[in-house]
Amino acid sequence: MSEQELPYDFQVVSPARPVASIAEDAQKGLFDRPRSLPPKYFYDDRGSRLFDQICDTKEYYPTRTEAALLQRYAQGIIDLVRPCHILEFGSGTSRKTRYLLDASHGLQEPVCYWPFDICSTLLHDVAMDLLHEYPGLGVRAQCGDFTAGIDHLPQPPDRCLYLFLGGTIGNFDHQQARGFLSEVSAHMQPGDALLLGADRVKDHLVLHDAYNDAEGLTAAFNLNVLSVLNEELGADFEPDQFDHRAQYNAGQQQIEMHLIARSEQSVYFSHLDQTLQMRANEGILTEISRKFRPEDLQQLLQEAGLRQEAHFQPDNGWFSLVLARKAAAGH
């Protein structure tokens, strides 16, 4: 089916600033020590679906905790904002967004949903599912990398509720998080709001188990990035020669996820004509997941020109949903 025949709008959002290619990221991050790779390469079609399965594991509390908060407070959030549009950064399978779509039924006009994701295949599948589940729903799919800036993202013409859920803000360091939220703030119009989901600092064992599930899904998700490198850059990684390792860095308040070489590795990248030499037990940092205290979140929002309007959390304080609006000039 061509884009002209799609029963929903589809737009490619071009980057607002130069964004490194996977080849450039690999050269910069893998061929110098300490080795690292941006987490956005997790989310090919297989990686996106693996992550969706991780969300159902007993150990991975963030998704079910955030979902419970949305189920409980979605109607109140919708009543506060009364959006005409809902735009979600990193929308994935949009599974939790449905609570907000359900709560929007009472609005005078149906909302228009704008899923923004890097994976076009997933966007198509989600759009078709939502059109079936919500007759009358408008869908304007935005395909692109929001970390490359949102200057070319169309601005919804009426009140918009922006979503950044799942604790994804924790994948950015402080400077990156402040920069992204500042861009969102600049994109917002009077009456718009941002709903931000953020994971909280808690018992270290709970955090460890969430990223080391017994089924091995997080390990498979992490290792899948090697298959992405094989596919995209003609590398010859053998994923079974690497181990998944995720541990909590209390000083930095973040989970750090690595791939650890089981033995010496010599990996040839045919598209780069370069060979990566790794020592046994050497790691590649593939993701950080920062954890926040309530005061951390308030400070981050203030630095981005936003003010907290409401804060929703469970009794155990494991997760935060923060509703924010643009701060008034001079504040």
Protein backbone atom coordinates (compact mmCIF):
# COMPACT_ATOMS: atom_id res chain seq x y z
CA MET A 1 0.00 0.00 0.00
CA SER A 2 1.47 3.37 -1.05
CA GLU A 3 1.48 6.39 1.26
CA GLN A 4 -1.23 7.95 -0.92
CA GLU A 5 -3.52 4.98 -0.16
CA LEU A 6 -2.96 4.86 3.59
CA PRO A 7 -6.07 5.43 5.74
CA TYR A 8 -3.99 7.72 7.99
CA ASP A 9 -1.52 10.54 7.51
CA PHE A 10 2.15 9.62 7.37
CA GLN A 11 4.98 12.13 7.41
CA VAL A 12 8.73 11.78 7.53
CA VAL A 13 10.20 14.33 9.95
CA SER A 14 13.57 15.41 8.64
CA PRO A 15 16.32 16.10 11.18
CA ALA A 16 16.66 19.69 12.34
CA ARG A 17 20.40 19.32 12.84
CA PRO A 18 23.06 16.94 11.58
CA VAL A 19 22.56 13.53 13.09
CA ALA A 20 25.21 10.87 13.11
CA SER A 21 24.58 7.82 10.96
CA ILE A 22 24.92 4.35 12.40
CA ALA A 23 28.30 4.13 10.62
CA GLU A 24 29.49 7.36 12.26
CA ASP A 25 28.17 6.30 15.67
CA ALA A 26 29.89 2.93 15.33
CA GLN A 27 33.21 4.52 14.34
CA LYS A 28 33.03 7.06 17.14
CA GLY A 29 31.70 4.77 19.86
CA LEU A 30 33.07 1.30 19.15
CA PHE A 31 36.59 1.84 17.88
CA ASP A 32 37.77 3.88 20.88
CA ARG A 33 37.70 2.98 24.56
CA PRO A 34 35.49 3.05 26.55
CA ARG A 35 33.24 1.50 23.92
CA SER A 36 29.61 2.61 23.57
CA LEU A 37 26.67 2.79 21.19
CA PRO A 38 23.53 4.98 21.35
CA PRO A 39 20.45 3.07 22.55
CA LYS A 40 18.30 4.18 19.60
CA TYR A 41 19.74 1.28 17.58
CA PHE A 42 17.91 -1.18 19.82
CA TYR A 43 14.65 -0.32 18.14
CA ASP A 44 14.54 -2.10 14.83
CA ASP A 45 11.37 -4.11 14.28
CA ARG A 46 12.60 -7.12 16.30
CA GLY A 47 14.02 -4.94 19.07
CA SER A 48 10.78 -2.97 19.39
CA ARG A 49 8.79 -6.17 19.76
CA LEU A 50 11.26 -7.63 22.24
CA PHE A 51 10.92 -4.51 24.35
CA ASP A 52 7.15 -4.89 24.28
CA GLN A 53 7.60 -8.43 25.66
CA ILE A 54 9.97 -7.15 28.35
CA CYS A 55 7.21 -4.86 29.51
CA ASP A 56 5.13 -7.94 30.41
CA THR A 57 7.80 -9.63 32.55
CA LYS A 58 7.19 -9.86 36.29
CA GLU A 59 10.45 -8.06 37.05
CA TYR A 60 9.93 -5.05 34.80
CA TYR A 61 7.83 -2.87 37.09
CA PRO A 62 8.06 0.48 35.15
CA THR A 63 5.52 -0.38 32.46
CA ARG A 64 2.86 -1.84 34.72
CA THR A 65 3.40 0.89 37.34
CA GLU A 66 3.08 3.64 34.76
CA ALA A 67 0.10 1.87 33.16
CA ALA A 68 -1.65 1.69 36.54
CA LEU A 69 -1.08 5.42 37.03
CA LEU A 70 -2.49 6.17 33.59
CA GLN A 71 -5.47 3.93 34.18
CA ARG A 72 -6.18 5.73 37.44
CA TYR A 73 -5.49 9.31 36.39
CA ALA A 74 -6.06 9.45 32.60
CA GLN A 75 -9.52 10.95 32.92
CA GLY A 76 -8.29 13.65 35.27
CA ILE A 77 -5.39 14.44 32.96
CA ILE A 78 -7.66 14.69 29.92
CA ASP A 79 -10.12 16.86 31.87
CA LEU A 80 -7.29 19.22 32.87
CA VAL A 81 -5.83 19.58 29.36
CA ARG A 82 -8.87 18.88 27.12
CA PRO A 83 -6.57 18.21 24.15
CA CYS A 84 -7.57 18.24 20.50
CA HIS A 85 -4.33 16.41 19.69
CA ILE A 86 -2.12 13.92 21.52
CA LEU A 87 1.48 13.75 20.26
CA GLU A 88 3.73 11.02 21.63
CA PHE A 89 7.51 10.97 21.32
CA GLY A 90 8.90 7.43 21.05
CA SER A 91 5.40 6.01 20.74
CA GLY A 92 6.41 2.37 20.15
CA THR A 93 3.34 0.15 20.30
CA SER A 94 1.25 2.90 21.97
CA ARG A 95 -0.04 0.36 24.46
CA LYS A 96 -0.36 2.73 27.44
CA THR A 97 -1.61 5.61 25.28
CA ARG A 98 -4.89 3.80 24.96
CA TYR A 99 -5.83 4.84 28.51
CA LEU A 100 -5.67 8.46 27.39
CA LEU A 101 -7.51 7.72 24.15
CA ASP A 102 -10.24 5.96 26.14
CA ALA A 103 -10.49 8.95 28.48
CA SER A 104 -10.80 11.29 25.48
CA HIS A 105 -14.15 9.78 24.41
CA GLY A 106 -16.02 12.38 26.45
CA LEU A 107 -14.53 15.30 24.55
CA GLN A 108 -16.72 17.23 22.14
CA GLU A 109 -14.49 16.41 19.17
CA PRO A 110 -12.45 13.19 18.65
CA VAL A 111 -8.76 13.69 19.34
CA CYS A 112 -6.11 13.26 16.68
CA TYR A 113 -3.22 11.02 17.71
CA TRP A 114 0.31 11.78 16.49
CA PRO A 115 2.64 8.81 17.14
CA PHE A 116 6.28 9.82 16.60
CA ASP A 117 8.70 6.91 16.23
CA ILE A 118 11.83 5.94 14.34
CA CYS A 119 10.42 2.61 13.05
CA SER A 120 8.07 3.05 10.08
CA THR A 121 6.92 -0.59 10.10
CA LEU A 122 5.83 -0.31 13.71
CA LEU A 123 4.11 3.03 13.05
CA HIS A 124 2.08 1.43 10.28
CA ASP A 125 1.03 -1.56 12.39
CA VAL A 126 0.05 0.64 15.34
CA ALA A 127 -1.87 3.11 13.17
CA MET A 128 -3.90 0.31 11.57
CA ASP A 129 -4.65 -1.26 14.97
CA LEU A 130 -5.77 2.05 16.44
CA LEU A 131 -8.01 2.91 13.50
CA HIS A 132 -9.72 -0.44 14.04
CA GLU A 133 -10.02 0.02 17.81
CA TYR A 134 -11.10 3.67 17.74
CA PRO A 135 -13.46 4.47 14.87
CA GLY A 136 -13.29 8.17 14.10
CA LEU A 137 -9.80 8.60 15.53
CA GLY A 138 -7.49 10.69 13.40
CA VAL A 139 -3.90 9.43 13.14
CA ARG A 140 -0.98 11.53 11.90
CA ALA A 141 2.08 9.28 12.09
CA GLN A 142 5.45 11.07 12.32
CA CYS A 143 8.48 9.01 11.36
CA GLY A 144 11.85 10.27 12.46
CA ASP A 145 14.49 10.64 15.14
CA PHE A 146 13.30 13.17 17.71
CA THR A 147 16.81 13.32 19.18
CA ALA A 148 17.80 15.09 15.94
CA GLY A 149 15.57 18.04 16.80
CA ILE A 150 11.90 18.77 16.25
CA ASP A 151 12.04 22.02 14.25
CA HIS A 152 10.50 20.20 11.26
CA LEU A 153 7.77 18.53 13.30
CA PRO A 154 4.42 20.08 12.34
CA GLN A 155 2.79 22.05 15.12
CA PRO A 156 -0.68 20.80 16.05
CA PRO A 157 -3.15 23.62 15.30
CA ASP A 158 -5.09 23.36 18.57
CA ARG A 159 -4.50 22.28 22.19
CA CYS A 160 -2.03 19.40 22.32
CA LEU A 161 -1.03 16.97 25.04
CA TYR A 162 2.59 15.95 24.41
CA LEU A 163 3.63 12.57 25.83
CA PHE A 164 7.08 11.30 26.74
CA LEU A 165 6.40 8.12 28.66
CA GLY A 166 8.12 4.94 29.75
CA GLY A 167 10.98 6.56 31.64
CA THR A 168 12.73 7.22 28.31
CA ILE A 169 13.92 10.58 29.65
CA GLY A 170 16.32 8.47 31.73
CA ASN A 171 18.17 7.36 28.58
CA PHE A 172 19.52 10.93 28.25
CA ASP A 173 22.23 12.44 30.38
CA HIS A 174 21.26 15.66 32.17
CA GLN A 175 22.36 17.99 29.38
CA GLN A 176 20.57 15.95 26.71
CA ALA A 177 17.40 15.73 28.81
CA ARG A 178 17.34 19.46 29.45
CA GLY A 179 17.98 20.15 25.76
CA PHE A 180 15.18 17.89 24.55
CA LEU A 181 12.63 19.21 27.04
CA SER A 182 13.62 22.77 26.12
CA GLU A 183 12.88 21.96 22.47
CA VAL A 184 9.48 20.54 23.42
CA SER A 185 8.77 23.62 25.52
CA ALA A 186 9.63 25.89 22.57
CA HIS A 187 7.28 23.85 20.36
CA MET A 188 4.35 24.15 22.77
CA GLN A 189 1.62 26.78 22.44
CA PRO A 190 -0.56 28.30 25.19
CA GLY A 191 -2.91 25.61 26.51
CA ASP A 192 -0.57 22.74 25.58
CA ALA A 193 0.82 20.38 28.21
CA LEU A 194 3.50 17.72 28.54
CA LEU A 195 2.99 14.43 30.37
CA LEU A 196 6.38 13.04 31.36
CA GLY A 197 6.97 9.53 32.74
CA ALA A 198 10.11 9.04 34.83
CA ASP A 199 11.47 6.14 36.84
CA ARG A 200 12.42 6.79 40.44
CA VAL A 201 15.37 5.95 42.68
CA LYS A 202 14.54 2.84 44.72
CA ASP A 203 15.93 -0.37 46.22
CA HIS A 204 18.95 -1.54 44.21
CA LEU A 205 17.75 -5.14 44.01
CA VAL A 206 14.44 -4.08 42.43
CA LEU A 207 16.36 -2.09 39.84
CA HIS A 208 18.78 -4.94 39.14
CA ASP A 209 16.03 -7.50 38.63
CA ALA A 210 14.10 -5.19 36.27
CA TYR A 211 17.02 -5.25 33.81
CA ASN A 212 17.97 -8.90 34.32
CA ASP A 213 14.67 -10.74 33.87
CA ALA A 214 14.57 -14.50 34.38
CA GLU A 215 13.22 -15.12 30.86
CA GLY A 216 16.29 -13.51 29.32
CA LEU A 217 14.26 -11.07 27.22
CA THR A 218 16.32 -8.05 28.24
CA ALA A 219 19.46 -10.00 27.37
CA ALA A 220 18.01 -10.82 23.94
CA PHE A 221 17.01 -7.18 23.48
CA ASN A 222 20.52 -6.02 24.32
CA LEU A 223 22.22 -8.64 22.14
CA ASN A 224 19.90 -7.80 19.23
CA VAL A 225 21.84 -4.59 18.65
CA LEU A 226 24.76 -6.74 17.43
CA SER A 227 22.44 -8.20 14.78
CA VAL A 228 21.49 -4.64 13.81
CA LEU A 229 25.18 -3.82 13.33
CA ASN A 230 25.61 -6.99 11.27
CA GLU A 231 22.67 -6.04 9.07
CA GLU A 232 23.38 -2.33 8.70
CA LEU A 233 27.18 -2.28 8.57
CA GLY A 234 28.07 -5.74 7.29
CA ALA A 235 29.68 -6.66 10.62
CA ASP A 236 30.25 -10.27 11.63
CA PHE A 237 29.47 -10.17 15.35
CA GLU A 238 28.56 -13.53 16.86
CA PRO A 239 25.96 -12.54 19.48
CA ASP A 240 26.36 -15.83 21.36
CA GLN A 241 29.94 -14.77 22.13
CA PHE A 242 28.68 -11.87 24.24
CA ASP A 243 26.89 -11.64 27.58
CA HIS A 244 24.31 -9.14 28.74
CA ARG A 245 25.20 -7.23 31.89
CA ALA A 246 23.10 -4.57 33.61
CA GLN A 247 24.08 -3.05 36.93
CA TYR A 248 23.11 -0.04 39.04
CA ASN A 249 25.57 2.81 39.51
CA ALA A 250 24.38 4.37 42.77
CA GLY A 251 26.66 7.39 42.46
CA GLN A 252 25.16 8.34 39.10
CA GLN A 253 21.64 7.09 39.98
CA GLN A 254 21.50 5.04 36.79
CA ILE A 255 21.36 1.54 35.41
CA GLU A 256 24.21 0.88 32.98
CA MET A 257 23.71 -1.84 30.39
CA HIS A 258 26.66 -3.49 28.66
CA LEU A 259 27.52 -6.26 26.24
CA ILE A 260 30.54 -8.20 27.53
CA ALA A 261 32.85 -10.16 25.24
CA ARG A 262 33.24 -13.75 26.45
CA SER A 263 36.62 -14.05 24.75
CA GLU A 264 38.90 -12.06 22.49
CA GLN A 265 36.89 -10.83 19.50
CA SER A 266 37.91 -9.77 16.02
CA VAL A 267 34.90 -8.25 14.26
CA TYR A 268 35.14 -7.07 10.65
CA PHE A 269 32.82 -4.29 9.44
CA SER A 270 32.68 -4.72 5.67
CA HIS A 271 30.88 -1.39 5.09
CA LEU A 272 33.61 0.43 7.01
CA ASP A 273 36.51 -1.81 5.96
CA GLN A 274 37.60 -1.81 9.60
CA THR A 275 38.23 -4.51 12.17
CA LEU A 276 37.24 -4.15 15.80
CA GLN A 277 39.53 -5.90 18.27
CA MET A 278 38.06 -6.58 21.71
CA ARG A 279 39.66 -8.16 24.74
CA ALA A 280 37.98 -10.89 26.78
CA ASN A 281 35.59 -9.37 29.36
CA GLU A 282 35.68 -6.00 27.60
CA GLY A 283 32.30 -4.27 27.39
CA ILE A 284 30.22 -2.04 25.14
CA LEU A 285 27.95 0.41 26.97
CA THR A 286 24.61 0.22 25.15
CA GLU A 287 22.28 2.16 27.46
CA ILE A 288 21.99 4.22 30.59
CA SER A 289 18.68 4.48 32.44
CA ARG A 290 18.72 7.31 34.95
CA LYS A 291 16.50 7.23 38.02
CA PHE A 292 15.07 10.40 39.55
CA ARG A 293 13.93 11.87 42.80
CA PRO A 294 10.88 14.23 42.72
CA GLU A 295 13.14 17.24 43.27
CA ASP A 296 15.34 16.14 40.35
CA LEU A 297 12.34 16.17 38.03
CA GLN A 298 11.11 19.55 39.21
CA GLN A 299 14.57 21.04 38.70
CA LEU A 300 14.89 19.51 35.23
CA LEU A 301 11.53 20.91 34.15
CA GLN A 302 12.39 24.37 35.48
CA GLU A 303 15.66 24.36 33.56
CA ALA A 304 13.68 23.56 30.38
CA GLY A 305 11.24 26.43 30.88
CA LEU A 306 8.40 24.25 32.14
CA ARG A 307 6.45 24.31 35.40
CA GLN A 308 5.03 21.27 37.12
CA GLU A 309 1.24 21.38 37.32
CA ALA A 310 0.51 17.92 38.76
CA HIS A 311 2.52 14.96 40.00
CA PHE A 312 1.04 11.45 40.00
CA GLN A 313 2.80 8.59 41.79
CA PRO A 314 1.94 5.22 43.36
CA ASP A 315 2.00 4.66 47.12
CA ASN A 316 5.46 3.04 46.91
CA GLY A 317 6.92 6.03 45.01
CA TRP A 318 8.40 3.81 42.30
CA PHE A 319 7.44 5.95 39.30
CA SER A 320 6.34 9.50 38.47
CA LEU A 321 3.93 10.94 35.95
CA VAL A 322 4.39 14.70 35.82
CA LEU A 323 2.04 17.06 34.00
CA ALA A 324 3.83 20.28 33.01
CA ARG A 325 3.11 23.45 31.10
CA LYS A 326 5.25 26.28 29.79
CA ALA A 327 6.40 28.59 32.54
CA ALA A 328 5.18 32.16 32.33
CA ALA A 329 7.68 34.69 31.01
CA GLY A 330 10.00 35.83 33.76
CA HIS A 331 9.51 32.70 35.88
